[in-house]
Amino acid sequence: MFSNILFDLDGTLTDPKDGITRCIQYALNQLNTISPAADRLEWCIGPPLRGSFTLLLNTQDDILLDRAISNYRKRFSEKGLFENVIYPEVIPSLQRIKKAEIHIFLATSKPRVFAKQILDHFSLTPFFDAIYGSDLNGHLSDKRELVAHILDTENLDTKKTLIVGDRSHDIIGGKKNGIMTAGVSYGYGTMEELAASKPDFLFNTISDLAAFVEL
């Protein structure tokens, strides 16, 4: 059924909660702003960082937002990207998908420079035909634009391409580009969020996804 799968990273392949929440807390503290507890920052995992800080700081001030993002990236590049855990069954599932001769691409709103280091850290890079993420200036952080860029660059057949992610923006980004969509229930999107975005498929584990595409 599918020749290509675009995988989200955070909340889909790895659990980045510790790194992301600690870096957000650090960034806010550097701005003398009280930061929420880690559990209250889970909604920030997945969407573009600028949008999260816009809500956290209740501002549209680009200078302030740039400072927050700079603070975040300072800690993230040194510590945060390694405060991360790979989800169970990811490696064997990717092995099964590759064995089924399906092309695998990374499609993350995270800057590509960080995403590549994370994949390298977990020995996941060899599974991917290409790694796509945003630029440090925020270009391609919107999942709709990122998916469009991947489809165009790789010349992928939309009818044979699936995007997999844990948040609504993954599903919406796929639908806006006319490809099939799959949500995963183990990440950071709530079931209500995923249901509202109406993915074509929903999987409880990545192993379930691998079994499905093997059919």
N, C-alpha and C. Protein backbone atom coordinates (compact mmCIF):
# COMPACT_ATOMS: atom_id res chain seq x y z
N MET A 1 0.82 -1.21 0.00
CA MET A 1 0.00 0.00 0.00
C MET A 1 0.86 1.26 0.00
N PHE A 2 1.98 1.25 0.74
CA PHE A 2 2.82 2.44 0.85
C PHE A 2 4.23 2.16 0.35
N SER A 3 4.81 3.16 -0.29
CA SER A 3 6.21 3.09 -0.73
C SER A 3 7.08 3.98 0.13
N ASN A 4 6.45 4.97 0.81
CA ASN A 4 7.21 5.96 1.57
C ASN A 4 6.51 6.27 2.89
N ILE A 5 7.30 6.39 3.95
CA ILE A 5 6.76 6.80 5.25
C ILE A 5 7.57 7.98 5.76
N LEU A 6 6.86 9.05 6.15
CA LEU A 6 7.48 10.22 6.78
C LEU A 6 7.23 10.11 8.28
N PHE A 7 8.29 10.04 9.05
CA PHE A 7 8.16 9.91 10.51
C PHE A 7 8.43 11.24 11.20
N ASP A 8 7.54 11.60 12.10
CA ASP A 8 7.82 12.64 13.08
C ASP A 8 8.88 12.09 14.03
N LEU A 9 9.52 12.97 14.80
CA LEU A 9 10.56 12.52 15.73
C LEU A 9 10.07 12.54 17.18
N ASP A 10 9.86 13.74 17.72
CA ASP A 10 9.48 13.87 19.13
C ASP A 10 8.10 13.29 19.38
N GLY A 11 8.02 12.34 20.32
CA GLY A 11 6.75 11.74 20.65
C GLY A 11 6.34 10.61 19.72
N THR A 12 7.18 10.33 18.72
CA THR A 12 6.88 9.27 17.77
C THR A 12 7.99 8.23 17.74
N LEU A 13 9.23 8.68 17.63
CA LEU A 13 10.38 7.77 17.68
C LEU A 13 11.09 7.84 19.03
N THR A 14 11.15 9.02 19.60
CA THR A 14 11.80 9.18 20.90
C THR A 14 10.92 9.98 21.85
N ASP A 15 11.17 9.79 23.15
CA ASP A 15 10.47 10.54 24.19
C ASP A 15 11.42 11.63 24.70
N PRO A 16 11.21 12.87 24.26
CA PRO A 16 12.15 13.96 24.56
C PRO A 16 11.72 14.82 25.75
N LYS A 17 10.78 14.33 26.56
CA LYS A 17 10.18 15.19 27.58
C LYS A 17 11.20 15.87 28.47
N ASP A 18 12.13 15.12 29.04
CA ASP A 18 13.09 15.71 29.98
C ASP A 18 13.88 16.84 29.33
N GLY A 19 14.41 16.58 28.14
CA GLY A 19 15.24 17.58 27.49
C GLY A 19 14.47 18.83 27.10
N ILE A 20 13.30 18.65 26.49
CA ILE A 20 12.52 19.80 26.03
C ILE A 20 12.00 20.62 27.21
N THR A 21 11.43 19.97 28.21
CA THR A 21 10.86 20.73 29.32
C THR A 21 11.94 21.43 30.14
N ARG A 22 13.07 20.78 30.34
CA ARG A 22 14.15 21.43 31.10
C ARG A 22 14.71 22.62 30.34
N CYS A 23 14.76 22.52 29.03
CA CYS A 23 15.28 23.64 28.23
C CYS A 23 14.29 24.80 28.19
N ILE A 24 13.01 24.50 28.16
CA ILE A 24 12.00 25.56 28.23
C ILE A 24 12.08 26.25 29.58
N GLN A 25 12.18 25.47 30.64
CA GLN A 25 12.29 26.06 31.97
C GLN A 25 13.53 26.93 32.09
N TYR A 26 14.64 26.47 31.54
CA TYR A 26 15.87 27.25 31.56
C TYR A 26 15.68 28.56 30.81
N ALA A 27 15.08 28.47 29.62
CA ALA A 27 14.88 29.67 28.80
C ALA A 27 14.01 30.70 29.51
N LEU A 28 12.96 30.25 30.15
CA LEU A 28 12.07 31.16 30.87
C LEU A 28 12.75 31.76 32.09
N ASN A 29 13.50 30.92 32.81
CA ASN A 29 14.21 31.42 33.99
C ASN A 29 15.23 32.48 33.61
N GLN A 30 15.88 32.31 32.46
CA GLN A 30 16.85 33.31 32.00
C GLN A 30 16.19 34.64 31.69
N LEU A 31 14.89 34.60 31.44
CA LEU A 31 14.13 35.83 31.17
C LEU A 31 13.39 36.31 32.43
N ASN A 32 13.78 35.72 33.57
CA ASN A 32 13.16 36.09 34.86
C ASN A 32 11.65 35.86 34.85
N THR A 33 11.26 34.77 34.19
CA THR A 33 9.85 34.40 34.11
C THR A 33 9.66 33.06 34.83
N ILE A 34 8.64 32.98 35.65
CA ILE A 34 8.37 31.73 36.36
C ILE A 34 7.97 30.66 35.35
N SER A 35 8.59 29.51 35.44
CA SER A 35 8.32 28.43 34.49
C SER A 35 7.38 27.38 35.08
N PRO A 36 6.48 26.84 34.29
CA PRO A 36 5.59 25.77 34.77
C PRO A 36 6.38 24.50 35.06
N ALA A 37 5.76 23.59 35.81
CA ALA A 37 6.36 22.28 36.06
C ALA A 37 6.41 21.50 34.75
N ALA A 38 7.29 20.51 34.71
CA ALA A 38 7.51 19.75 33.48
C ALA A 38 6.22 19.15 32.94
N ASP A 39 5.39 18.59 33.81
CA ASP A 39 4.16 17.94 33.36
C ASP A 39 3.19 18.93 32.72
N ARG A 40 3.35 20.20 33.04
CA ARG A 40 2.47 21.22 32.46
C ARG A 40 3.04 21.80 31.17
N LEU A 41 4.15 21.25 30.74
CA LEU A 41 4.78 21.71 29.49
C LEU A 41 4.72 20.65 28.39
N GLU A 42 4.02 19.55 28.65
CA GLU A 42 3.97 18.48 27.66
C GLU A 42 3.35 18.94 26.34
N TRP A 43 2.45 19.90 26.40
CA TRP A 43 1.81 20.39 25.18
C TRP A 43 2.81 21.07 24.24
N CYS A 44 3.97 21.43 24.76
CA CYS A 44 5.01 22.08 23.95
C CYS A 44 5.82 21.07 23.13
N ILE A 45 5.65 19.78 23.39
CA ILE A 45 6.44 18.76 22.71
C ILE A 45 5.83 18.45 21.36
N GLY A 46 6.51 18.85 20.31
CA GLY A 46 6.03 18.59 18.96
C GLY A 46 5.85 19.83 18.12
N PRO A 47 5.00 20.79 18.54
CA PRO A 47 4.78 21.97 17.72
C PRO A 47 6.03 22.85 17.63
N PRO A 48 6.04 23.76 16.64
CA PRO A 48 7.17 24.69 16.51
C PRO A 48 7.40 25.48 17.81
N LEU A 49 8.66 25.67 18.14
CA LEU A 49 9.05 26.28 19.41
C LEU A 49 8.56 27.72 19.55
N ARG A 50 8.61 28.49 18.48
CA ARG A 50 8.21 29.90 18.57
C ARG A 50 6.75 30.03 19.00
N GLY A 51 5.91 29.17 18.49
CA GLY A 51 4.51 29.22 18.89
C GLY A 51 4.31 28.91 20.36
N SER A 52 5.09 27.96 20.87
CA SER A 52 4.98 27.61 22.29
C SER A 52 5.41 28.77 23.17
N PHE A 53 6.53 29.41 22.82
CA PHE A 53 6.99 30.55 23.62
C PHE A 53 6.05 31.75 23.49
N THR A 54 5.41 31.89 22.35
CA THR A 54 4.42 32.96 22.19
C THR A 54 3.32 32.83 23.24
N LEU A 55 2.87 31.61 23.46
CA LEU A 55 1.83 31.37 24.45
C LEU A 55 2.38 31.42 25.88
N LEU A 56 3.55 30.84 26.09
CA LEU A 56 4.13 30.83 27.44
C LEU A 56 4.44 32.23 27.94
N LEU A 57 4.90 33.08 27.05
CA LEU A 57 5.28 34.44 27.43
C LEU A 57 4.17 35.45 27.16
N ASN A 58 3.09 34.97 26.52
CA ASN A 58 1.97 35.84 26.18
C ASN A 58 2.44 37.11 25.46
N THR A 59 3.19 36.88 24.39
CA THR A 59 3.75 38.01 23.65
C THR A 59 3.90 37.68 22.17
N GLN A 60 3.89 38.73 21.37
CA GLN A 60 4.20 38.63 19.95
C GLN A 60 5.51 39.37 19.64
N ASP A 61 6.21 39.78 20.70
CA ASP A 61 7.45 40.54 20.56
C ASP A 61 8.55 39.62 20.00
N ASP A 62 8.94 39.86 18.77
CA ASP A 62 9.93 39.00 18.11
C ASP A 62 11.28 39.02 18.82
N ILE A 63 11.66 40.16 19.37
CA ILE A 63 12.94 40.25 20.06
C ILE A 63 12.94 39.36 21.30
N LEU A 64 11.86 39.42 22.06
CA LEU A 64 11.74 38.59 23.26
C LEU A 64 11.67 37.10 22.89
N LEU A 65 10.92 36.79 21.84
CA LEU A 65 10.81 35.40 21.41
C LEU A 65 12.14 34.87 20.92
N ASP A 66 12.89 35.71 20.22
CA ASP A 66 14.22 35.30 19.75
C ASP A 66 15.15 35.02 20.93
N ARG A 67 15.06 35.83 21.98
CA ARG A 67 15.88 35.60 23.18
C ARG A 67 15.51 34.28 23.84
N ALA A 68 14.21 34.02 23.93
CA ALA A 68 13.76 32.77 24.55
C ALA A 68 14.27 31.57 23.76
N ILE A 69 14.15 31.62 22.44
CA ILE A 69 14.60 30.52 21.60
C ILE A 69 16.11 30.35 21.69
N SER A 70 16.84 31.46 21.73
CA SER A 70 18.30 31.40 21.86
C SER A 70 18.69 30.75 23.18
N ASN A 71 18.02 31.12 24.27
CA ASN A 71 18.29 30.51 25.57
C ASN A 71 18.00 29.01 25.53
N TYR A 72 16.88 28.67 24.94
CA TYR A 72 16.50 27.26 24.82
C TYR A 72 17.57 26.47 24.08
N ARG A 73 17.98 26.99 22.94
CA ARG A 73 18.92 26.25 22.09
C ARG A 73 20.31 26.16 22.71
N LYS A 74 20.66 27.13 23.53
CA LYS A 74 21.96 27.07 24.21
C LYS A 74 22.02 25.82 25.08
N ARG A 75 21.01 25.62 25.90
CA ARG A 75 21.01 24.43 26.76
C ARG A 75 20.74 23.16 25.98
N PHE A 76 19.85 23.26 24.97
CA PHE A 76 19.49 22.07 24.21
C PHE A 76 20.70 21.51 23.46
N SER A 77 21.50 22.37 22.87
CA SER A 77 22.65 21.91 22.09
C SER A 77 23.72 21.29 22.97
N GLU A 78 23.76 21.69 24.25
CA GLU A 78 24.77 21.17 25.17
C GLU A 78 24.29 19.94 25.94
N LYS A 79 23.03 19.95 26.35
CA LYS A 79 22.52 18.87 27.21
C LYS A 79 21.19 18.29 26.74
N GLY A 80 20.28 19.17 26.39
CA GLY A 80 18.90 18.78 26.18
C GLY A 80 18.65 17.72 25.13
N LEU A 81 19.42 17.77 24.05
CA LEU A 81 19.13 16.81 22.97
C LEU A 81 19.47 15.39 23.37
N PHE A 82 20.31 15.22 24.41
CA PHE A 82 20.65 13.89 24.88
C PHE A 82 19.80 13.45 26.07
N GLU A 83 18.96 14.35 26.60
CA GLU A 83 18.02 14.00 27.67
C GLU A 83 16.76 13.46 26.99
N ASN A 84 16.90 12.30 26.45
CA ASN A 84 15.96 11.77 25.48
C ASN A 84 15.99 10.24 25.57
N VAL A 85 14.88 9.59 25.31
CA VAL A 85 14.81 8.13 25.39
C VAL A 85 14.12 7.59 24.14
N ILE A 86 14.70 6.58 23.53
CA ILE A 86 14.07 5.97 22.37
C ILE A 86 12.91 5.09 22.83
N TYR A 87 11.79 5.14 22.12
CA TYR A 87 10.65 4.31 22.49
C TYR A 87 10.94 2.83 22.23
N PRO A 88 10.37 1.95 23.05
CA PRO A 88 10.56 0.52 22.84
C PRO A 88 10.09 0.09 21.45
N GLU A 89 10.79 -0.86 20.88
CA GLU A 89 10.42 -1.47 19.60
C GLU A 89 10.66 -0.57 18.38
N VAL A 90 11.25 0.61 18.57
CA VAL A 90 11.49 1.47 17.42
C VAL A 90 12.48 0.84 16.44
N ILE A 91 13.62 0.37 16.95
CA ILE A 91 14.64 -0.18 16.05
C ILE A 91 14.15 -1.43 15.32
N PRO A 92 13.60 -2.44 16.01
CA PRO A 92 13.12 -3.60 15.26
C PRO A 92 11.98 -3.26 14.30
N SER A 93 11.17 -2.29 14.65
CA SER A 93 10.07 -1.89 13.76
C SER A 93 10.60 -1.22 12.50
N LEU A 94 11.58 -0.35 12.65
CA LEU A 94 12.19 0.28 11.48
C LEU A 94 12.89 -0.76 10.61
N GLN A 95 13.47 -1.75 11.24
CA GLN A 95 14.10 -2.84 10.49
C GLN A 95 13.06 -3.57 9.64
N ARG A 96 11.91 -3.83 10.22
CA ARG A 96 10.84 -4.52 9.49
C ARG A 96 10.32 -3.67 8.34
N ILE A 97 10.19 -2.38 8.57
CA ILE A 97 9.69 -1.49 7.52
C ILE A 97 10.68 -1.41 6.36
N LYS A 98 11.97 -1.30 6.69
CA LYS A 98 12.99 -1.29 5.63
C LYS A 98 13.01 -2.60 4.86
N LYS A 99 12.82 -3.70 5.58
CA LYS A 99 12.82 -5.02 4.93
C LYS A 99 11.66 -5.11 3.95
N ALA A 100 10.58 -4.38 4.22
CA ALA A 100 9.42 -4.36 3.33
C ALA A 100 9.66 -3.44 2.13
N GLU A 101 10.89 -2.93 2.01
CA GLU A 101 11.31 -2.07 0.89
C GLU A 101 10.52 -0.77 0.83
N ILE A 102 10.28 -0.22 2.00
CA ILE A 102 9.61 1.08 2.10
C ILE A 102 10.65 2.14 2.42
N HIS A 103 10.59 3.25 1.72
CA HIS A 103 11.52 4.36 1.96
C HIS A 103 11.08 5.13 3.22
N ILE A 104 12.03 5.46 4.07
CA ILE A 104 11.75 6.13 5.33
C ILE A 104 12.42 7.50 5.36
N PHE A 105 11.63 8.51 5.71
CA PHE A 105 12.14 9.88 5.79
C PHE A 105 11.78 10.47 7.15
N LEU A 106 12.65 11.30 7.68
CA LEU A 106 12.32 12.03 8.91
C LEU A 106 11.68 13.35 8.52
N ALA A 107 10.58 13.69 9.20
CA ALA A 107 9.88 14.95 8.95
C ALA A 107 9.57 15.59 10.30
N THR A 108 10.48 16.41 10.80
CA THR A 108 10.34 17.01 12.13
C THR A 108 10.40 18.53 12.06
N SER A 109 9.62 19.16 12.93
CA SER A 109 9.69 20.62 13.05
C SER A 109 10.97 21.07 13.75
N LYS A 110 11.64 20.14 14.42
CA LYS A 110 12.89 20.44 15.10
C LYS A 110 13.95 20.82 14.06
N PRO A 111 14.86 21.73 14.38
CA PRO A 111 15.95 22.03 13.44
C PRO A 111 16.70 20.77 13.02
N ARG A 112 16.95 20.66 11.73
CA ARG A 112 17.57 19.45 11.20
C ARG A 112 18.92 19.16 11.87
N VAL A 113 19.67 20.21 12.19
CA VAL A 113 20.98 20.02 12.79
C VAL A 113 20.88 19.25 14.10
N PHE A 114 19.83 19.49 14.88
CA PHE A 114 19.63 18.77 16.14
C PHE A 114 19.04 17.38 15.89
N ALA A 115 18.11 17.30 14.95
CA ALA A 115 17.48 16.01 14.65
C ALA A 115 18.52 14.99 14.19
N LYS A 116 19.46 15.44 13.36
CA LYS A 116 20.50 14.54 12.87
C LYS A 116 21.35 14.02 14.03
N GLN A 117 21.68 14.87 14.98
CA GLN A 117 22.47 14.44 16.13
C GLN A 117 21.71 13.42 16.97
N ILE A 118 20.40 13.60 17.10
CA ILE A 118 19.59 12.67 17.89
C ILE A 118 19.52 11.31 17.20
N LEU A 119 19.30 11.30 15.90
CA LEU A 119 19.26 10.03 15.17
C LEU A 119 20.61 9.33 15.25
N ASP A 120 21.68 10.09 15.13
CA ASP A 120 23.02 9.51 15.25
C ASP A 120 23.21 8.91 16.65
N HIS A 121 22.78 9.64 17.66
CA HIS A 121 22.95 9.21 19.06
C HIS A 121 22.28 7.87 19.32
N PHE A 122 21.11 7.66 18.71
CA PHE A 122 20.36 6.43 18.91
C PHE A 122 20.60 5.39 17.82
N SER A 123 21.59 5.64 16.97
CA SER A 123 21.93 4.72 15.87
C SER A 123 20.75 4.48 14.93
N LEU A 124 19.95 5.51 14.71
CA LEU A 124 18.78 5.40 13.84
C LEU A 124 19.04 5.91 12.42
N THR A 125 20.08 6.68 12.24
CA THR A 125 20.33 7.32 10.95
C THR A 125 20.34 6.36 9.77
N PRO A 126 20.95 5.16 9.87
CA PRO A 126 20.99 4.27 8.71
C PRO A 126 19.63 3.83 8.18
N PHE A 127 18.58 3.95 8.99
CA PHE A 127 17.26 3.54 8.53
C PHE A 127 16.62 4.57 7.60
N PHE A 128 17.14 5.78 7.58
CA PHE A 128 16.48 6.88 6.88
C PHE A 128 17.11 7.16 5.53
N ASP A 129 16.23 7.30 4.52
CA ASP A 129 16.69 7.69 3.19
C ASP A 129 17.13 9.15 3.20
N ALA A 130 16.48 9.96 4.01
CA ALA A 130 16.85 11.37 4.13
C ALA A 130 16.25 11.92 5.42
N ILE A 131 16.89 12.95 5.95
CA ILE A 131 16.48 13.59 7.20
C ILE A 131 16.05 15.02 6.90
N TYR A 132 14.80 15.33 7.20
CA TYR A 132 14.28 16.68 6.96
C TYR A 132 13.81 17.30 8.27
N GLY A 133 14.17 18.56 8.46
CA GLY A 133 13.74 19.32 9.61
C GLY A 133 13.72 20.78 9.24
N SER A 134 13.51 21.63 10.21
CA SER A 134 13.48 23.06 9.95
C SER A 134 14.89 23.64 9.93
N ASP A 135 14.99 24.87 9.45
CA ASP A 135 16.23 25.63 9.55
C ASP A 135 16.24 26.35 10.90
N LEU A 136 17.40 26.78 11.33
CA LEU A 136 17.48 27.48 12.62
C LEU A 136 16.71 28.80 12.61
N ASN A 137 16.47 29.35 11.41
CA ASN A 137 15.70 30.60 11.33
C ASN A 137 14.19 30.36 11.35
N GLY A 138 13.78 29.10 11.49
CA GLY A 138 12.36 28.79 11.57
C GLY A 138 11.74 28.35 10.26
N HIS A 139 12.47 28.48 9.16
CA HIS A 139 11.95 28.04 7.86
C HIS A 139 11.67 26.55 7.89
N LEU A 140 10.50 26.16 7.40
CA LEU A 140 10.05 24.77 7.34
C LEU A 140 9.68 24.19 8.71
N SER A 141 9.46 25.03 9.71
CA SER A 141 9.00 24.52 11.00
C SER A 141 7.52 24.16 10.96
N ASP A 142 6.78 24.75 10.02
CA ASP A 142 5.38 24.40 9.83
C ASP A 142 5.31 23.06 9.11
N LYS A 143 4.60 22.09 9.68
CA LYS A 143 4.60 20.72 9.14
C LYS A 143 4.00 20.66 7.74
N ARG A 144 3.04 21.50 7.44
CA ARG A 144 2.46 21.52 6.10
C ARG A 144 3.51 21.90 5.07
N GLU A 145 4.28 22.94 5.36
CA GLU A 145 5.32 23.38 4.43
C GLU A 145 6.44 22.36 4.35
N LEU A 146 6.77 21.74 5.48
CA LEU A 146 7.84 20.74 5.50
C LEU A 146 7.47 19.54 4.64
N VAL A 147 6.25 19.04 4.80
CA VAL A 147 5.82 17.88 4.02
C VAL A 147 5.81 18.21 2.53
N ALA A 148 5.33 19.39 2.19
CA ALA A 148 5.33 19.81 0.78
C ALA A 148 6.75 19.84 0.22
N HIS A 149 7.68 20.31 1.03
CA HIS A 149 9.08 20.38 0.62
C HIS A 149 9.65 18.98 0.39
N ILE A 150 9.33 18.04 1.28
CA ILE A 150 9.83 16.67 1.14
C ILE A 150 9.25 16.01 -0.10
N LEU A 151 7.95 16.15 -0.30
CA LEU A 151 7.30 15.55 -1.46
C LEU A 151 7.91 16.07 -2.76
N ASP A 152 8.16 17.37 -2.80
CA ASP A 152 8.71 17.97 -4.01
C ASP A 152 10.17 17.57 -4.22
N THR A 153 10.97 17.64 -3.15
CA THR A 153 12.39 17.33 -3.26
C THR A 153 12.64 15.88 -3.63
N GLU A 154 11.88 14.98 -3.02
CA GLU A 154 12.08 13.54 -3.24
C GLU A 154 11.22 12.98 -4.37
N ASN A 155 10.34 13.85 -4.93
CA ASN A 155 9.45 13.43 -6.02
C ASN A 155 8.63 12.20 -5.62
N LEU A 156 7.98 12.29 -4.46
CA LEU A 156 7.23 11.16 -3.93
C LEU A 156 5.79 11.14 -4.46
N ASP A 157 5.28 9.96 -4.66
CA ASP A 157 3.90 9.76 -5.08
C ASP A 157 3.00 9.95 -3.85
N THR A 158 2.14 10.95 -3.89
CA THR A 158 1.30 11.25 -2.73
C THR A 158 0.38 10.08 -2.37
N LYS A 159 -0.03 9.30 -3.38
CA LYS A 159 -0.94 8.19 -3.12
C LYS A 159 -0.25 7.02 -2.41
N LYS A 160 1.08 7.02 -2.42
CA LYS A 160 1.82 5.93 -1.80
C LYS A 160 2.68 6.39 -0.63
N THR A 161 2.31 7.56 -0.08
CA THR A 161 3.10 8.15 1.01
C THR A 161 2.24 8.33 2.26
N LEU A 162 2.82 7.99 3.40
CA LEU A 162 2.14 8.05 4.70
C LEU A 162 2.98 8.88 5.65
N ILE A 163 2.34 9.76 6.42
CA ILE A 163 3.03 10.47 7.50
C ILE A 163 2.55 9.91 8.82
N VAL A 164 3.49 9.73 9.75
CA VAL A 164 3.19 9.15 11.06
C VAL A 164 3.62 10.14 12.15
N GLY A 165 2.72 10.47 13.05
CA GLY A 165 3.07 11.39 14.12
C GLY A 165 2.11 11.30 15.29
N ASP A 166 2.45 11.97 16.37
CA ASP A 166 1.63 11.89 17.59
C ASP A 166 0.79 13.13 17.85
N ARG A 167 0.95 14.17 17.02
CA ARG A 167 0.22 15.42 17.27
C ARG A 167 -0.63 15.79 16.06
N SER A 168 -1.60 16.65 16.29
CA SER A 168 -2.53 17.04 15.24
C SER A 168 -1.84 17.72 14.07
N HIS A 169 -0.77 18.48 14.35
CA HIS A 169 -0.12 19.19 13.24
C HIS A 169 0.57 18.23 12.27
N ASP A 170 0.92 17.03 12.74
CA ASP A 170 1.45 16.02 11.83
C ASP A 170 0.35 15.55 10.87
N ILE A 171 -0.82 15.29 11.43
CA ILE A 171 -1.94 14.81 10.63
C ILE A 171 -2.42 15.89 9.67
N ILE A 172 -2.57 17.09 10.18
CA ILE A 172 -3.03 18.20 9.35
C ILE A 172 -2.04 18.48 8.22
N GLY A 173 -0.73 18.45 8.56
CA GLY A 173 0.29 18.68 7.55
C GLY A 173 0.23 17.65 6.44
N GLY A 174 -0.07 16.40 6.80
CA GLY A 174 -0.20 15.37 5.79
C GLY A 174 -1.44 15.56 4.94
N LYS A 175 -2.57 15.82 5.58
CA LYS A 175 -3.83 15.99 4.85
C LYS A 175 -3.77 17.16 3.89
N LYS A 176 -3.15 18.26 4.31
CA LYS A 176 -3.04 19.43 3.45
C LYS A 176 -2.24 19.15 2.18
N ASN A 177 -1.42 18.09 2.23
CA ASN A 177 -0.60 17.74 1.07
C ASN A 177 -1.10 16.49 0.34
N GLY A 178 -2.28 16.02 0.73
CA GLY A 178 -2.90 14.93 0.01
C GLY A 178 -2.29 13.56 0.22
N ILE A 179 -1.60 13.35 1.36
CA ILE A 179 -1.03 12.03 1.64
C ILE A 179 -1.81 11.37 2.76
N MET A 180 -1.60 10.07 2.93
CA MET A 180 -2.26 9.34 4.01
C MET A 180 -1.63 9.69 5.35
N THR A 181 -2.40 9.56 6.41
CA THR A 181 -1.94 9.99 7.73
C THR A 181 -2.18 8.91 8.78
N ALA A 182 -1.26 8.82 9.73
CA ALA A 182 -1.40 7.88 10.84
C ALA A 182 -0.99 8.55 12.14
N GLY A 183 -1.85 8.43 13.14
CA GLY A 183 -1.52 8.92 14.46
C GLY A 183 -1.03 7.78 15.34
N VAL A 184 -0.19 8.10 16.31
CA VAL A 184 0.24 7.11 17.30
C VAL A 184 -0.23 7.58 18.67
N SER A 185 -0.79 6.66 19.45
CA SER A 185 -1.45 7.04 20.70
C SER A 185 -0.51 7.14 21.88
N TYR A 186 0.75 6.71 21.73
CA TYR A 186 1.66 6.65 22.87
C TYR A 186 2.47 7.94 23.06
N GLY A 187 2.30 8.91 22.17
CA GLY A 187 3.09 10.13 22.24
C GLY A 187 2.44 11.20 23.11
N TYR A 188 2.54 12.47 22.68
CA TYR A 188 2.08 13.58 23.51
C TYR A 188 0.80 14.24 23.03
N GLY A 189 0.24 13.75 21.95
CA GLY A 189 -1.07 14.22 21.54
C GLY A 189 -2.15 13.44 22.29
N THR A 190 -3.15 14.13 22.80
CA THR A 190 -4.23 13.43 23.48
C THR A 190 -5.10 12.71 22.45
N MET A 191 -5.87 11.74 22.93
CA MET A 191 -6.77 11.04 22.03
C MET A 191 -7.80 12.00 21.45
N GLU A 192 -8.21 13.00 22.23
CA GLU A 192 -9.15 14.00 21.73
C GLU A 192 -8.53 14.81 20.60
N GLU A 193 -7.26 15.19 20.77
CA GLU A 193 -6.56 15.95 19.73
C GLU A 193 -6.43 15.13 18.45
N LEU A 194 -6.02 13.88 18.61
CA LEU A 194 -5.85 13.03 17.43
C LEU A 194 -7.19 12.77 16.75
N ALA A 195 -8.23 12.50 17.54
CA ALA A 195 -9.54 12.23 16.96
C ALA A 195 -10.06 13.42 16.17
N ALA A 196 -9.81 14.62 16.70
CA ALA A 196 -10.27 15.84 16.03
C ALA A 196 -9.59 16.05 14.69
N SER A 197 -8.33 15.60 14.58
CA SER A 197 -7.60 15.77 13.32
C SER A 197 -7.91 14.67 12.31
N LYS A 198 -8.60 13.62 12.74
CA LYS A 198 -9.11 12.55 11.88
C LYS A 198 -8.03 11.88 11.02
N PRO A 199 -7.05 11.23 11.65
CA PRO A 199 -6.05 10.50 10.87
C PRO A 199 -6.70 9.32 10.15
N ASP A 200 -6.11 8.87 9.07
CA ASP A 200 -6.63 7.71 8.34
C ASP A 200 -6.44 6.43 9.14
N PHE A 201 -5.37 6.40 9.95
CA PHE A 201 -5.07 5.23 10.77
C PHE A 201 -4.63 5.68 12.14
N LEU A 202 -4.79 4.80 13.13
CA LEU A 202 -4.31 5.09 14.48
C LEU A 202 -3.66 3.82 15.03
N PHE A 203 -2.43 3.96 15.54
CA PHE A 203 -1.70 2.82 16.05
C PHE A 203 -1.32 3.05 17.51
N ASN A 204 -1.41 1.98 18.31
CA ASN A 204 -1.05 2.08 19.72
C ASN A 204 0.44 1.87 19.96
N THR A 205 1.11 1.19 19.04
CA THR A 205 2.55 0.97 19.14
C THR A 205 3.16 1.07 17.75
N ILE A 206 4.45 1.32 17.69
CA ILE A 206 5.12 1.36 16.40
C ILE A 206 5.21 -0.05 15.81
N SER A 207 5.17 -1.06 16.66
CA SER A 207 5.15 -2.44 16.17
C SER A 207 3.86 -2.71 15.39
N ASP A 208 2.75 -2.13 15.86
CA ASP A 208 1.48 -2.28 15.15
C ASP A 208 1.57 -1.64 13.76
N LEU A 209 2.23 -0.50 13.68
CA LEU A 209 2.45 0.15 12.39
C LEU A 209 3.26 -0.73 11.46
N ALA A 210 4.36 -1.29 11.98
CA ALA A 210 5.22 -2.13 11.17
C ALA A 210 4.45 -3.34 10.64
N ALA A 211 3.63 -3.95 11.50
CA ALA A 211 2.85 -5.11 11.07
C ALA A 211 1.86 -4.72 9.98
N PHE A 212 1.29 -3.52 10.09
CA PHE A 212 0.32 -3.05 9.10
C PHE A 212 0.95 -2.86 7.73
N VAL A 213 2.10 -2.21 7.69
CA VAL A 213 2.71 -1.93 6.38
C VAL A 213 3.33 -3.17 5.76
N GLU A 214 3.54 -4.20 6.56
CA GLU A 214 4.08 -5.46 6.03
C GLU A 214 3.02 -6.25 5.25
N LEU A 215 1.75 -5.92 5.46
CA LEU A 215 0.67 -6.68 4.82
C LEU A 215 0.71 -6.55 3.30
